[in-house]
Protein backbone atom coordinates (compact mmCIF):
# COMPACT_ATOMS: atom_id res chain seq x y z
CA MET A 1 -0.05 -0.11 0.26
CA ALA A 2 1.32 3.84 -0.50
CA ALA A 3 3.03 4.84 2.33
CA GLN A 4 1.37 8.28 2.22
CA TYR A 5 -2.22 7.21 2.45
CA SER A 6 -3.93 5.55 5.70
CA ILE A 7 -7.45 3.94 5.16
CA VAL A 8 -10.02 5.10 7.91
CA GLY A 9 -13.51 4.23 8.87
CA THR A 10 -15.32 2.20 11.27
CA THR A 11 -17.98 0.62 8.97
CA ALA A 12 -18.21 -0.89 5.34
CA LYS A 13 -19.32 1.97 3.65
CA GLY A 14 -16.82 4.19 5.26
CA ILE A 15 -13.78 1.77 5.06
CA ALA A 16 -14.99 1.75 0.67
CA ALA A 17 -15.38 5.12 0.81
CA SER A 18 -11.67 6.05 2.52
CA ILE A 19 -9.95 3.65 -0.64
CA GLU A 20 -11.97 5.25 -3.22
CA ARG A 21 -11.23 8.29 -2.16
CA GLY A 22 -7.81 7.93 -2.22
CA VAL A 23 -7.66 6.27 -5.50
CA SER A 24 -9.79 9.44 -6.88
CA GLU A 25 -7.40 11.82 -5.17
CA GLY A 26 -4.08 9.82 -6.33
CA GLY A 27 -3.36 8.75 -3.03
CA LEU A 28 -3.70 4.92 -4.09
CA GLY A 29 -2.52 4.04 -7.49
CA PRO A 30 -2.99 1.34 -10.15
CA GLY A 31 -1.27 -2.19 -8.55
CA ASP A 32 -1.27 -0.26 -5.20
CA ALA A 33 -1.57 -3.28 -2.09
CA LEU A 34 -4.52 -2.67 0.34
CA PRO A 35 -3.57 -4.40 3.61
CA PRO A 36 -4.49 -8.07 4.56
CA VAL A 37 -8.25 -7.90 5.67
CA ARG A 38 -7.19 -8.98 9.60
CA ARG A 39 -4.33 -6.58 9.72
CA LEU A 40 -6.50 -3.65 8.24
CA ALA A 41 -9.60 -5.00 10.53
CA ASP A 42 -6.77 -4.81 13.53
CA GLU A 43 -5.19 -1.17 12.36
CA LEU A 44 -8.81 0.32 12.25
CA ALA A 45 -10.55 -2.00 15.30
CA VAL A 46 -13.64 -3.36 13.71
CA SER A 47 -13.96 -7.25 12.66
CA PRO A 48 -12.68 -9.13 9.48
CA GLY A 49 -16.30 -9.20 8.36
CA THR A 50 -16.00 -5.28 8.04
CA VAL A 51 -13.40 -5.18 6.13
CA ALA A 52 -13.98 -8.25 3.91
CA THR A 53 -17.39 -6.36 3.26
CA ALA A 54 -15.31 -2.97 2.50
CA TYR A 55 -13.10 -5.32 -0.18
CA ARG A 56 -15.85 -7.31 -1.32
CA GLU A 57 -17.61 -3.82 -2.36
CA LEU A 58 -14.66 -2.41 -4.02
CA ARG A 59 -14.13 -5.42 -5.89
CA GLN A 60 -17.58 -5.61 -7.73
CA ARG A 61 -17.32 -1.91 -8.53
CA GLY A 62 -14.02 -2.49 -10.42
CA VAL A 63 -12.37 -0.60 -8.07
CA VAL A 64 -10.08 -3.00 -6.64
CA VAL A 65 -9.56 -6.80 -7.96
CA THR A 66 -8.43 -9.28 -5.96
CA ARG A 67 -4.96 -11.38 -6.81
CA GLY A 68 -5.45 -15.15 -4.81
CA ARG A 69 -2.23 -14.72 -2.51
CA GLY A 70 -0.88 -11.91 -4.05
CA GLY A 71 -3.66 -10.23 -2.14
CA THR A 72 -6.29 -7.13 -2.82
CA VAL A 73 -4.71 -4.03 -5.40
CA ILE A 74 -6.31 -1.11 -6.56
CA ALA A 75 -7.19 -2.63 -10.42
CA GLN A 76 -5.32 -1.28 -13.43
CA ALA A 77 -8.09 1.10 -14.56
CA PRO A 78 -9.74 1.52 -11.31
CA SER A 79 -13.47 3.05 -12.10
CA VAL A 80 -13.58 5.95 -9.61
CA ALA A 81 -10.01 7.50 -11.28
CA SER A 82 -9.74 9.50 -15.04
CA ARG A 83 -6.34 7.43 -16.55
CA ARG A 84 -4.84 8.90 -19.42
CA PRO A 85 -2.28 7.69 -22.27
CA PRO A 86 0.95 8.87 -21.15
CA ARG A 87 1.84 11.50 -23.06
CA VAL A 88 4.53 10.90 -25.67
CA PRO A 89 7.50 12.30 -24.99
CA GLU A 90 8.66 15.34 -27.84
CA GLY A 91 10.90 14.24 -30.38
CA LEU A 92 9.84 10.37 -30.03
CA VAL A 93 7.93 8.25 -33.33
CA ASP A 94 4.79 7.46 -31.87
CA LEU A 95 4.14 3.05 -32.38
CA ALA A 96 2.23 2.33 -29.42
CA GLY A 97 -1.21 3.66 -29.49
CA GLY A 98 -2.54 1.46 -32.05
CA HIS A 99 -4.39 3.92 -33.95
CA PRO A 100 -4.53 4.19 -37.82
CA ASP A 101 -2.55 6.38 -40.37
CA PRO A 102 -4.35 8.97 -40.93
CA ALA A 103 -3.66 9.26 -44.99
CA PHE A 104 -6.43 6.38 -44.97
CA LEU A 105 -9.17 8.24 -42.97
CA PRO A 106 -11.71 10.21 -44.93
CA GLU A 107 -12.94 13.43 -43.81
CA LEU A 108 -15.93 13.21 -41.90
CA ARG A 109 -18.25 14.54 -43.44
CA PRO A 110 -21.59 15.47 -41.38
CA PRO A 111 -25.10 16.40 -42.82
CA ALA A 112 -25.47 19.79 -44.07
CA LEU A 113 -28.97 19.98 -42.82
CA VAL A 114 -30.34 18.33 -39.80
CA ARG A 115 -34.06 19.11 -39.70
CA PRO A 116 -35.77 19.24 -35.79
CA VAL A 117 -38.02 17.14 -34.28
CA TYR A 118 -40.85 16.76 -32.12
CA GLY A 119 -39.88 14.87 -29.06
CA SER A 120 -37.37 12.23 -29.23
CA HIS A 121 -36.22 9.46 -31.59
CA ARG A 122 -36.74 6.21 -29.43
CA ALA A 123 -39.97 5.29 -31.38
CA SER A 124 -37.62 5.10 -34.71
CA PRO A 125 -34.02 5.32 -33.41
CA ARG A 126 -32.37 3.56 -36.15
CA LEU A 127 -32.19 5.25 -39.60
CA GLY A 128 -33.45 2.89 -42.28
CA ARG A 129 -30.66 3.69 -44.88
CA LEU A 130 -28.43 3.16 -42.51
CA GLU A 131 -29.69 0.16 -40.94
CA GLU A 132 -29.60 -1.25 -44.78
CA LEU A 133 -26.08 -0.51 -44.99
CA THR A 134 -25.21 -2.07 -41.75
CA ARG A 135 -26.97 -5.59 -42.87
CA GLU A 136 -24.72 -4.69 -45.94
CA TRP A 137 -21.82 -4.65 -44.07
CA PHE A 138 -21.98 -8.00 -41.78
CA ALA A 139 -23.73 -10.19 -44.53
CA ARG A 140 -20.45 -9.51 -46.50
CA ASP A 141 -18.16 -11.62 -44.35
CA GLY A 142 -21.62 -14.52 -44.29
CA VAL A 143 -22.50 -13.04 -40.23
CA PRO A 144 -26.34 -12.87 -40.00
CA ALA A 145 -28.00 -10.01 -40.11
CA GLU A 146 -31.41 -9.94 -39.83
CA HIS A 147 -31.28 -8.65 -36.39
CA VAL A 148 -28.93 -5.42 -36.20
CA THR A 149 -29.15 -2.27 -33.83
CA PHE A 150 -26.02 0.20 -33.04
CA ALA A 151 -24.00 1.86 -29.83
CA HIS A 152 -21.85 4.21 -29.21
CA GLY A 153 -18.63 2.04 -30.13
CA ALA A 154 -17.45 -1.56 -29.03
CA LEU A 155 -16.94 -0.86 -26.16
CA ASP A 156 -20.00 1.03 -24.95
CA CYS A 157 -21.55 -1.56 -26.55
CA ILE A 158 -20.07 -5.09 -25.13
CA ALA A 159 -20.57 -2.94 -21.25
CA ARG A 160 -24.16 -3.00 -22.35
CA LEU A 161 -24.51 -7.10 -23.27
CA LEU A 162 -22.23 -7.81 -20.49
CA SER A 163 -24.10 -5.93 -17.88
CA THR A 164 -27.34 -6.81 -19.01
CA GLU A 165 -26.84 -10.22 -19.35
CA LEU A 166 -24.14 -10.91 -16.25
CA ASN A 167 -23.97 -10.43 -12.69
CA PRO A 168 -21.16 -9.20 -10.19
CA GLY A 169 -19.27 -11.87 -9.54
CA ASP A 170 -20.08 -13.40 -12.53
CA ALA A 171 -16.76 -14.70 -15.35
CA VAL A 172 -15.65 -13.44 -18.34
CA ALA A 173 -13.62 -15.54 -20.62
CA VAL A 174 -11.19 -13.07 -22.14
CA GLU A 175 -8.15 -13.39 -24.38
CA ASP A 176 -4.57 -13.29 -22.87
CA PRO A 177 -2.91 -11.09 -24.36
CA GLY A 178 -6.08 -9.06 -25.38
CA PHE A 179 -7.13 -5.42 -25.82
CA HIS A 180 -6.12 -3.84 -22.78
CA HIS A 181 -9.36 -1.79 -22.80
CA LEU A 182 -11.54 -4.55 -21.85
CA LEU A 183 -9.41 -6.09 -19.89
CA ASP A 184 -10.33 -2.82 -17.93
CA LEU A 185 -13.29 -3.02 -18.60
CA VAL A 186 -15.15 -6.32 -17.09
CA PRO A 187 -13.23 -5.92 -13.50
CA ALA A 188 -14.74 -2.23 -13.45
CA LEU A 189 -18.46 -4.24 -14.07
CA GLY A 190 -17.71 -5.54 -11.02
CA LEU A 191 -17.50 -8.84 -13.49
CA ARG A 192 -14.24 -12.07 -13.12
CA MET A 193 -11.43 -12.27 -15.94
CA VAL A 194 -10.95 -15.62 -17.24
CA PRO A 195 -7.56 -15.79 -18.98
CA VAL A 196 -7.46 -17.65 -22.62
CA ALA A 197 -4.29 -18.85 -24.39
CA VAL A 198 -3.89 -17.28 -27.64
CA ASP A 199 -1.78 -18.52 -30.48
CA ALA A 200 -1.56 -17.55 -34.38
CA GLU A 201 -5.00 -18.16 -34.90
CA GLY A 202 -6.59 -16.88 -31.60
CA LEU A 203 -8.50 -18.29 -28.96
CA VAL A 204 -6.72 -21.93 -28.34
CA PRO A 205 -9.79 -24.46 -28.44
CA GLU A 206 -8.65 -26.52 -25.26
CA ALA A 207 -7.75 -22.93 -23.22
CA LEU A 208 -11.31 -22.08 -23.82
CA ARG A 209 -12.96 -25.41 -22.87
CA THR A 210 -11.46 -25.33 -19.63
CA ALA A 211 -12.24 -21.68 -18.99
CA LEU A 212 -15.80 -22.67 -20.20
CA ARG A 213 -15.49 -25.89 -17.30
CA SER A 214 -15.06 -23.47 -15.05
CA GLY A 215 -17.95 -21.60 -15.08
CA VAL A 216 -17.50 -18.46 -17.63
CA ARG A 217 -21.02 -16.80 -18.47
CA ALA A 218 -19.72 -14.98 -21.87
CA VAL A 219 -16.70 -14.96 -24.22
CA VAL A 220 -15.56 -11.65 -25.61
CA CYS A 221 -13.08 -11.98 -28.18
CA SER A 222 -11.54 -11.01 -32.03
CA PRO A 223 -12.00 -13.31 -35.16
CA ARG A 224 -9.44 -10.76 -36.89
CA GLY A 225 -6.93 -8.16 -36.18
CA GLN A 226 -6.50 -9.27 -32.82
CA SER A 227 -5.21 -6.94 -30.20
CA PRO A 228 -2.14 -6.86 -29.35
CA THR A 229 -1.21 -9.85 -31.03
CA GLY A 230 -2.99 -9.96 -34.92
CA ALA A 231 -3.95 -13.29 -34.72
CA TYR A 232 -7.08 -14.43 -36.49
CA PHE A 233 -9.33 -17.34 -36.96
CA GLY A 234 -8.62 -19.59 -40.09
CA ARG A 235 -11.62 -21.93 -41.07
CA GLY A 236 -10.57 -24.85 -39.09
CA ARG A 237 -9.61 -22.80 -36.14
CA ARG A 238 -13.41 -21.42 -35.78
CA ASP A 239 -14.65 -24.76 -36.40
CA ALA A 240 -13.09 -25.76 -33.90
CA LEU A 241 -14.27 -23.32 -31.15
CA ALA A 242 -17.70 -23.66 -32.34
CA ALA A 243 -17.38 -27.82 -31.38
CA VAL A 244 -16.11 -26.53 -27.86
CA LEU A 245 -18.79 -23.75 -27.84
CA GLY A 246 -21.86 -26.47 -29.08
CA ASP A 247 -21.32 -27.94 -25.74
CA PHE A 248 -22.26 -24.46 -23.69
CA PRO A 249 -25.19 -23.43 -25.56
CA GLU A 250 -26.46 -20.93 -22.63
CA VAL A 251 -22.73 -19.32 -23.10
CA LEU A 252 -23.13 -15.42 -24.73
CA VAL A 253 -20.08 -14.89 -27.48
CA VAL A 254 -19.49 -11.67 -28.39
CA GLU A 255 -17.13 -10.95 -31.09
CA ASP A 256 -15.30 -7.94 -31.74
CA ASP A 257 -14.47 -7.37 -34.94
CA HIS A 258 -12.78 -3.82 -34.72
CA ASN A 259 -10.79 -3.99 -37.76
CA ALA A 260 -13.66 -5.46 -39.92
CA ASP A 261 -12.35 -3.52 -43.12
CA ILE A 262 -9.03 -3.41 -42.26
CA ALA A 263 -7.13 -6.69 -40.98
CA GLY A 264 -6.15 -7.86 -44.74
CA VAL A 265 -7.75 -11.62 -44.23
CA PRO A 266 -11.00 -12.95 -44.45
CA ALA A 267 -13.62 -13.11 -41.55
CA TYR A 268 -14.31 -16.74 -40.43
CA THR A 269 -16.63 -15.87 -37.83
CA LEU A 270 -18.02 -17.50 -34.47
CA ALA A 271 -21.25 -15.27 -35.43
CA ALA A 272 -21.97 -17.33 -38.64
CA ALA A 273 -21.20 -20.38 -36.43
CA GLY A 274 -24.51 -21.38 -36.01
CA LEU A 275 -24.76 -20.80 -32.22
CA GLU A 276 -27.27 -20.02 -30.11
CA ARG A 277 -25.95 -16.90 -28.63
CA TRP A 278 -24.14 -14.43 -29.48
CA ALA A 279 -23.58 -11.07 -30.84
CA GLN A 280 -20.80 -9.24 -33.31
CA VAL A 281 -20.03 -5.70 -32.77
CA ARG A 282 -18.06 -3.48 -35.82
CA THR A 283 -16.54 -0.11 -35.18
CA ALA A 284 -16.31 2.77 -37.57
CA SER A 285 -12.96 3.80 -35.56
CA LYS A 286 -9.77 1.99 -37.51
CA HIS A 287 -11.10 2.69 -40.86
CA LEU A 288 -13.36 5.92 -41.00
CA GLY A 289 -11.87 7.82 -37.66
CA ILE A 290 -12.16 7.76 -33.74
CA ASP A 291 -14.89 11.21 -33.70
CA LEU A 292 -17.39 8.78 -35.42
CA ARG A 293 -18.74 7.49 -32.27
CA TRP A 294 -20.73 4.93 -34.11
CA ALA A 295 -21.09 1.32 -34.51
CA GLY A 296 -22.97 -1.67 -35.60
CA LEU A 297 -24.08 -5.08 -33.74
CA ALA A 298 -25.75 -8.04 -35.24
CA CYS A 299 -27.18 -10.97 -32.85
CA ASP A 300 -28.98 -13.14 -31.79
CA PRO A 301 -33.11 -11.51 -30.62
CA VAL A 302 -32.57 -12.85 -27.35
CA THR A 303 -29.40 -10.30 -27.09
CA LEU A 304 -30.94 -7.62 -29.56
CA ALA A 305 -33.80 -6.95 -27.26
CA ARG A 306 -31.49 -7.13 -23.87
CA HIS A 307 -29.32 -4.76 -25.54
CA ASP A 308 -31.75 -2.07 -26.94
CA GLY A 309 -34.01 -2.46 -23.70
CA ARG A 310 -31.11 -0.90 -22.08
CA LEU A 311 -30.06 1.61 -24.44
CA LEU A 312 -33.27 3.12 -24.59
CA MET A 313 -33.57 3.28 -20.43
CA THR A 314 -30.45 5.13 -20.56
CA SER A 315 -28.84 7.21 -24.21
CA GLY A 316 -31.92 6.04 -25.88
CA TRP A 317 -30.99 6.29 -29.56
CA VAL A 318 -27.38 7.21 -31.36
CA SER A 319 -27.60 10.85 -32.50
CA HIS A 320 -28.82 11.02 -36.15
CA VAL A 321 -26.26 13.19 -37.25
CA LEU A 322 -23.78 10.55 -36.03
CA GLN A 323 -26.31 8.34 -37.97
CA GLU A 324 -26.27 10.51 -41.55
CA THR A 325 -22.61 10.80 -41.59
CA ALA A 326 -21.88 6.88 -41.24
CA ALA A 327 -24.15 6.17 -43.81
CA GLY A 328 -22.85 8.68 -46.05
CA LEU A 329 -18.69 7.45 -45.90
CA LEU A 330 -20.27 3.95 -45.85
CA ALA A 331 -21.67 4.01 -48.99
CA ASP A 332 -19.20 6.03 -50.75
CA GLU A 333 -16.95 4.33 -53.53
CA GLU A 334 -14.22 6.84 -52.65
CA VAL A 335 -14.14 6.22 -48.91
CA ARG A 336 -14.22 2.43 -49.98
CA ARG A 337 -11.50 2.79 -52.93
CA LEU A 338 -9.05 4.79 -49.48
CA VAL A 339 -9.96 2.12 -47.02
CA ALA A 340 -8.71 -0.42 -49.32
CA ALA A 341 -5.49 1.08 -50.09
CA GLY A 342 -5.04 1.94 -46.42
CA GLU A 343 -5.71 -2.21 -46.15
CA LYS A 344 -2.99 -3.12 -48.45
CA ALA A 345 -0.74 -0.85 -46.97
CA TYR A 346 -1.59 -1.79 -43.34
CA GLY A 347 -0.31 -5.60 -44.84
CA VAL A 348 2.93 -4.37 -46.17
CA ARG A 349 3.85 -2.12 -43.27
CA ARG A 350 3.30 -5.18 -41.01
CA THR A 351 5.45 -7.95 -43.31
CA ALA A 352 8.18 -5.03 -43.17
CA LEU A 353 8.98 -5.17 -39.85
CA ILE A 354 8.45 -8.62 -38.93
CA GLU A 355 10.99 -9.34 -41.50
CA ALA A 356 13.33 -6.50 -40.53
CA LEU A 357 12.79 -7.99 -36.99
CA ALA A 358 13.17 -11.65 -37.88
CA GLY A 359 16.75 -10.61 -39.89
CA HIS A 360 17.59 -9.66 -36.85
CA GLY A 361 16.68 -13.21 -35.11
CA ILE A 362 13.62 -11.71 -33.46
CA GLY A 363 10.43 -13.48 -33.45
CA ALA A 364 7.22 -11.41 -33.84
CA VAL A 365 4.15 -11.70 -35.02
CA GLY A 366 1.00 -10.04 -36.76
CA ALA A 367 -0.88 -11.26 -39.53
CA SER A 368 -3.42 -9.01 -39.53
CA GLY A 369 -4.66 -5.56 -38.12
CA LEU A 370 -2.66 -2.53 -37.07
CA SER A 371 0.34 -3.66 -34.83
CA VAL A 372 3.33 -6.51 -34.51
CA TRP A 373 3.94 -8.50 -30.85
CA VAL A 374 7.45 -8.90 -30.34
CA PRO A 375 8.21 -11.22 -26.99
CA VAL A 376 10.91 -9.89 -25.24
CA ARG A 377 12.28 -10.87 -22.09
CA ASP A 378 11.92 -7.48 -20.18
CA GLU A 379 9.61 -5.44 -21.29
CA SER A 380 10.92 -2.54 -19.45
CA ALA A 381 14.01 -2.34 -20.39
CA VAL A 382 12.50 -2.77 -24.40
CA VAL A 383 10.46 0.21 -23.71
CA ASN A 384 13.38 2.38 -22.42
CA GLY A 385 15.94 1.36 -24.20
CA LEU A 386 13.79 2.08 -27.68
CA ARG A 387 12.71 5.58 -25.95
CA THR A 388 16.52 6.47 -25.80
CA ARG A 389 16.64 5.62 -29.61
CA GLY A 390 13.82 7.93 -30.76
CA TRP A 391 10.84 5.11 -30.69
CA TRP A 392 8.23 4.86 -28.67
CA VAL A 393 6.69 1.26 -28.12
CA ALA A 394 3.89 -0.06 -25.44
CA ALA A 395 5.17 -2.30 -22.66
CA GLY A 396 2.86 -5.45 -22.96
CA ALA A 397 1.44 -5.59 -19.76
CA ARG A 398 -1.24 -3.50 -19.98
CA PHE A 399 -2.47 -6.41 -22.17
CA ARG A 400 -1.53 -9.11 -20.58
CA ILE A 401 -2.81 -11.33 -17.26
CA ALA A 402 -1.30 -14.41 -17.44
CA SER A 403 0.64 -14.85 -20.73
CA ALA A 404 4.59 -13.77 -21.28
CA PRO A 405 6.08 -10.67 -21.90
CA ALA A 406 5.93 -8.68 -24.81
CA VAL A 407 6.09 -5.16 -26.61
CA ARG A 408 3.13 -3.88 -28.69
CA ILE A 409 4.53 -1.68 -32.00
CA THR A 410 1.82 0.23 -34.03
CA THR A 411 3.06 -0.42 -37.38
CA ALA A 412 -0.15 1.44 -39.55
CA ALA A 413 2.27 4.21 -40.13
CA LEU A 414 5.48 2.85 -40.24
CA GLU A 415 7.46 3.14 -43.34
CA GLU A 416 9.61 0.34 -44.66
CA PRO A 417 13.05 2.45 -44.43
CA ALA A 418 11.49 3.30 -41.07
CA ALA A 419 11.30 -0.30 -40.34
CA ARG A 420 14.18 -1.24 -41.04
CA ARG A 421 15.78 0.91 -38.74
CA LEU A 422 13.75 -0.08 -35.38
CA ALA A 423 14.86 -3.49 -36.69
CA ALA A 424 18.56 -2.34 -36.17
CA ASP A 425 17.42 -0.44 -33.17
CA PHE A 426 15.63 -3.45 -31.76
CA ALA A 427 18.45 -5.54 -32.52
CA GLY A 428 20.99 -2.86 -30.24
CA VAL A 429 18.64 -2.35 -27.17
CA LEU A 430 18.58 -6.71 -26.85
CA GLY A 431 22.02 -6.77 -27.37
CA GLU A 432 22.60 -4.42 -24.77
CA THR A 433 19.94 -6.06 -22.03
CA GLN A 434 21.49 -8.97 -22.92
CA ALA A 435 24.93 -7.81 -21.39
CA THR A 436 23.73 -6.16 -18.51
CA TYR A 437 21.76 -9.24 -17.37
CA GLY A 438 23.41 -12.24 -18.90
CA GLY A 439 22.23 -15.53 -20.36
């Protein structure tokens, strides 16, 4: 626990509020360990049950996580604190953010005229034109598109799906390594994460079976462009996963196909595998721009009803201004050509870095999407070493639960000459760390 912060309180709510205040004010930070239950109970002159209740409340609200023998610690992205990505130091090449190359993003074109309406759009939340384009978007890859709806982005959609389907304390199977924002979101919803190993083809079937047997109630995964490894389902892997899931028909399977238009590989999705409970969400952020806070969702009818029921009780609908903007972009042939050019360039750039690293004897993966995943022994040493040479890359710790160390390098805007320089610098850093640590 941070030495400068003292927890106070004589009731479970008071203790929980004190810890929450410490997090929001910065006295307690991500990863800080809280005192063992009995020790804190002795310090505050309360019963161990009172402290245990406080910790349980904080865990259900995503403020803390329990790590078995590792005790209770502040979550990496506690739900009461505002965490922003670290600022990229001046003069460094930013390869950490996972963002697309702006050169392949279209200009957003909001409608010139938006007529006022009486009342709200709750009675007709989806524009018919965009709904039809969304059906075509999913059907293009064989995803059943009879039931579609909209959300304010992939994480907004996934949060709503999980919170309507599960109760606090329920378990969710997640990829490991996986999308760092999802790994922050699940505990913030009061849910437990069960890591499932990922290889070059995505979720490992036997690892998924083990997670399902442990009682998980939902699975969240990516069929392609997996973050951070770039893994993607081949037909055989998709069929093997579907066979495993067929023994657990009550489990909701949520696919995040966030790289659908720029992944560079075909789609073999679980959404098209005949599962009973399924959903696939596609966001426009990676190929149309992050300011277009819109995502499409295709799913089974039960999931649709639960998602839209919760949406109607909260934000009600996605802005029709955004919907008109999205429809215009999805239907624009020039935009489609630009996105296709980006998809091709991203594939070339991923491959260039992987091959350049291989030339120095460094293994890396990145078969689809915008990034390359490079296993290393010491993440901090590599990140800091590359920083001294002008590169800003992401340490793998934010993407991992139990998987091995690595760094993620976003290659979306990395031209081939720069990839060669980066690979040479990477090799130099590894040489320096080997000399330092031996082996």
